[in-house]
Structure formats: C-alpha cells, structure tokens
Amino acid sequence: MLETTSVLGMFTFSFASMFAMVNPIGMTPVFLEQTQGRSLSERHSLAYQVAAYGATLLVLTLFFGSYVLYFFGVSLADIQVAGGLFVFYTAWTMLVAPPARTLDQKDISAIGGDIAFFPLTIPITAGAG
C-alpha cells in the first residue's frame, strides 16, 4: 500500500508539472487579448470551454499519445524539435508583426468560429502537454 507521503509527493509533483505546462498566470494576457471586445459572460463561458477542452485533450494524450506517435513513426525528439521551431516562429512573428488594429463587436461576430478550441486550447494552453 502506498504511504501518504508518497501519494502527497506524487500529487505535488504532478500538480507542479501541469501548472508549469498550462501556465494560467502567463496565459491570462493571451486570453484577454483573444477575447477582446467580448462580454464578461462570454469570457467566462470561453474560459470554462478552454478548461474542459484542455483537460480532455491532456487526458486523451496521456492514454493514447504514445500510440498515435508510434502509428505515425514520430519520435519524442521529433516532437521536441518541431515544438521548438514552432515557438521560435511564433515569437519571431510576434516580434516583427505590425500593430494589430482593434476589433469592434461587429468584426468579432463576423469572424465567427470557436476560438475556445483553436487557438486558445490548441496550441496555446494544452499544446505543450
């Protein structure tokens, strides 16, 4: 039987790892930027959707991720290199991009789509997981 200290240590390690990966403090400005011009109730709804999508994605990846990588013949090192290149590309485009114009409510409704899954869940929130 597992000791209480080992269970507590395992929980602490898992929580700290997930907290660092999801990074809710660092994601706050990104979320606010992506939901600019939306009402408070819409932001709350989107936050719950992002949390549900992210949790589902991370749990599915935990159980089936290695099988998917094996099926496509991709190693973990390949994923790490591709992730590093993606982060570099994203950072570079943010660095050299011209200032974005602000959107009014009509522009936001014209864009449409579910921003809770993409880009807020994948790749920003749970993409690192």
Protein backbone atom coordinates (compact mmCIF):
# COMPACT_ATOMS: atom_id res chain seq x y z
CA MET A 1 0.00 0.00 0.00
CA LEU A 2 1.25 3.49 -0.84
CA GLU A 3 2.27 5.70 2.02
CA THR A 4 0.54 9.03 2.47
CA THR A 5 3.79 10.93 1.92
CA SER A 6 4.46 9.22 -1.40
CA VAL A 7 0.92 9.94 -2.61
CA LEU A 8 1.22 13.55 -1.47
CA GLY A 9 4.61 13.84 -3.14
CA MET A 10 3.27 12.34 -6.37
CA PHE A 11 0.31 14.72 -6.34
CA THR A 12 2.56 17.71 -5.64
CA PHE A 13 4.94 16.77 -8.46
CA SER A 14 2.07 16.18 -10.90
CA PHE A 15 0.32 19.42 -9.96
CA ALA A 16 3.52 21.46 -10.25
CA SER A 17 4.28 19.91 -13.65
CA MET A 18 0.79 20.58 -15.00
CA PHE A 19 0.71 24.09 -13.54
CA ALA A 20 4.00 24.94 -15.24
CA MET A 21 2.85 23.41 -18.52
CA VAL A 22 -0.56 25.07 -18.69
CA ASN A 23 0.77 28.33 -17.12
CA PRO A 24 -2.52 30.02 -16.18
CA ILE A 25 -0.76 33.18 -14.99
CA GLY A 26 1.10 33.62 -18.27
CA MET A 27 -2.00 32.71 -20.27
CA THR A 28 -4.12 35.48 -18.76
CA PRO A 29 -2.87 38.27 -21.08
CA VAL A 30 -3.19 35.98 -24.11
CA PHE A 31 -6.76 35.07 -23.14
CA LEU A 32 -7.69 38.71 -22.60
CA GLU A 33 -6.18 39.66 -25.97
CA GLN A 34 -8.00 36.87 -27.79
CA THR A 35 -11.34 37.70 -26.15
CA GLN A 36 -11.04 41.46 -26.53
CA GLY A 37 -14.42 43.08 -27.08
CA ARG A 38 -16.44 40.18 -25.68
CA SER A 39 -18.77 40.50 -22.71
CA LEU A 40 -17.86 39.17 -19.27
CA SER A 41 -20.34 36.29 -19.56
CA GLU A 42 -18.87 35.28 -22.94
CA ARG A 43 -15.37 35.35 -21.42
CA HIS A 44 -16.50 33.14 -18.53
CA SER A 45 -18.09 30.70 -20.95
CA LEU A 46 -14.95 30.62 -23.09
CA ALA A 47 -12.77 30.08 -20.02
CA TYR A 48 -14.84 27.04 -18.99
CA GLN A 49 -14.72 25.67 -22.54
CA VAL A 50 -10.94 26.11 -22.73
CA ALA A 51 -10.55 24.34 -19.37
CA ALA A 52 -12.78 21.45 -20.45
CA TYR A 53 -11.14 21.09 -23.86
CA GLY A 54 -7.66 21.31 -22.34
CA ALA A 55 -8.36 18.72 -19.65
CA THR A 56 -9.90 16.36 -22.19
CA LEU A 57 -7.01 16.80 -24.58
CA LEU A 58 -4.40 16.23 -21.89
CA VAL A 59 -6.12 13.10 -20.54
CA LEU A 60 -6.51 11.64 -24.04
CA THR A 61 -2.88 12.43 -24.80
CA LEU A 62 -1.83 10.75 -21.56
CA PHE A 63 -3.52 7.49 -22.51
CA PHE A 64 -3.28 7.44 -26.32
CA GLY A 65 -0.45 9.84 -27.23
CA SER A 66 2.33 7.26 -27.43
CA TYR A 67 0.21 5.03 -29.67
CA VAL A 68 -0.51 7.90 -32.06
CA LEU A 69 3.18 8.81 -32.23
CA TYR A 70 4.12 5.16 -32.84
CA PHE A 71 1.46 4.84 -35.56
CA PHE A 72 2.89 7.80 -37.47
CA GLY A 73 6.50 6.82 -36.77
CA VAL A 74 7.32 10.02 -34.92
CA SER A 75 9.78 10.05 -32.03
CA LEU A 76 9.67 12.28 -28.98
CA ALA A 77 12.81 14.07 -30.19
CA ASP A 78 10.99 14.96 -33.44
CA ILE A 79 8.15 16.49 -31.43
CA GLN A 80 10.60 18.47 -29.30
CA VAL A 81 12.39 19.90 -32.34
CA ALA A 82 9.10 20.75 -34.07
CA GLY A 83 7.77 22.37 -30.89
CA GLY A 84 10.92 24.45 -30.52
CA LEU A 85 10.68 25.61 -34.12
CA PHE A 86 7.01 26.47 -33.67
CA VAL A 87 7.71 28.50 -30.53
CA PHE A 88 10.58 30.31 -32.28
CA TYR A 89 8.40 31.07 -35.33
CA THR A 90 5.56 32.34 -33.15
CA ALA A 91 7.89 34.53 -31.10
CA TRP A 92 9.56 35.91 -34.22
CA THR A 93 6.26 36.80 -35.89
CA MET A 94 5.11 38.50 -32.67
CA LEU A 95 8.35 40.45 -32.59
CA VAL A 96 8.23 41.75 -36.18
CA ALA A 97 4.47 41.95 -36.70
CA PRO A 98 2.89 45.36 -37.29
CA PRO A 99 0.49 46.55 -34.58
CA ALA A 100 -2.89 44.90 -34.89
CA ARG A 101 -5.95 47.05 -35.26
CA THR A 102 -8.60 46.77 -32.61
CA LEU A 103 -11.79 44.92 -33.41
CA ASP A 104 -15.23 46.19 -32.66
CA GLN A 105 -18.14 43.91 -31.78
CA LYS A 106 -19.33 43.63 -35.43
CA ASP A 107 -15.87 42.48 -36.55
CA ILE A 108 -15.75 39.84 -33.82
CA SER A 109 -19.14 38.41 -34.72
CA ALA A 110 -18.13 38.34 -38.39
CA ILE A 111 -15.04 36.25 -37.61
CA GLY A 112 -17.15 33.52 -36.01
CA GLY A 113 -15.72 30.11 -35.21
CA ASP A 114 -14.92 28.52 -31.90
CA ILE A 115 -11.83 30.22 -30.51
CA ALA A 116 -12.12 28.12 -27.34
CA PHE A 117 -10.61 25.09 -29.09
CA PHE A 118 -8.28 26.81 -31.53
CA PRO A 119 -6.20 28.86 -30.76
CA LEU A 120 -6.91 29.05 -27.01
CA THR A 121 -6.75 25.31 -26.22
CA ILE A 122 -4.51 24.10 -29.04
CA PRO A 123 -1.70 25.16 -29.28
CA ILE A 124 -1.64 27.83 -26.57
CA THR A 125 -3.00 26.14 -23.42
CA ALA A 126 -2.64 22.38 -23.84
CA GLY A 127 -0.32 22.25 -26.82
CA ALA A 128 2.72 21.82 -24.62
CA GLY A 129 1.12 18.86 -22.88
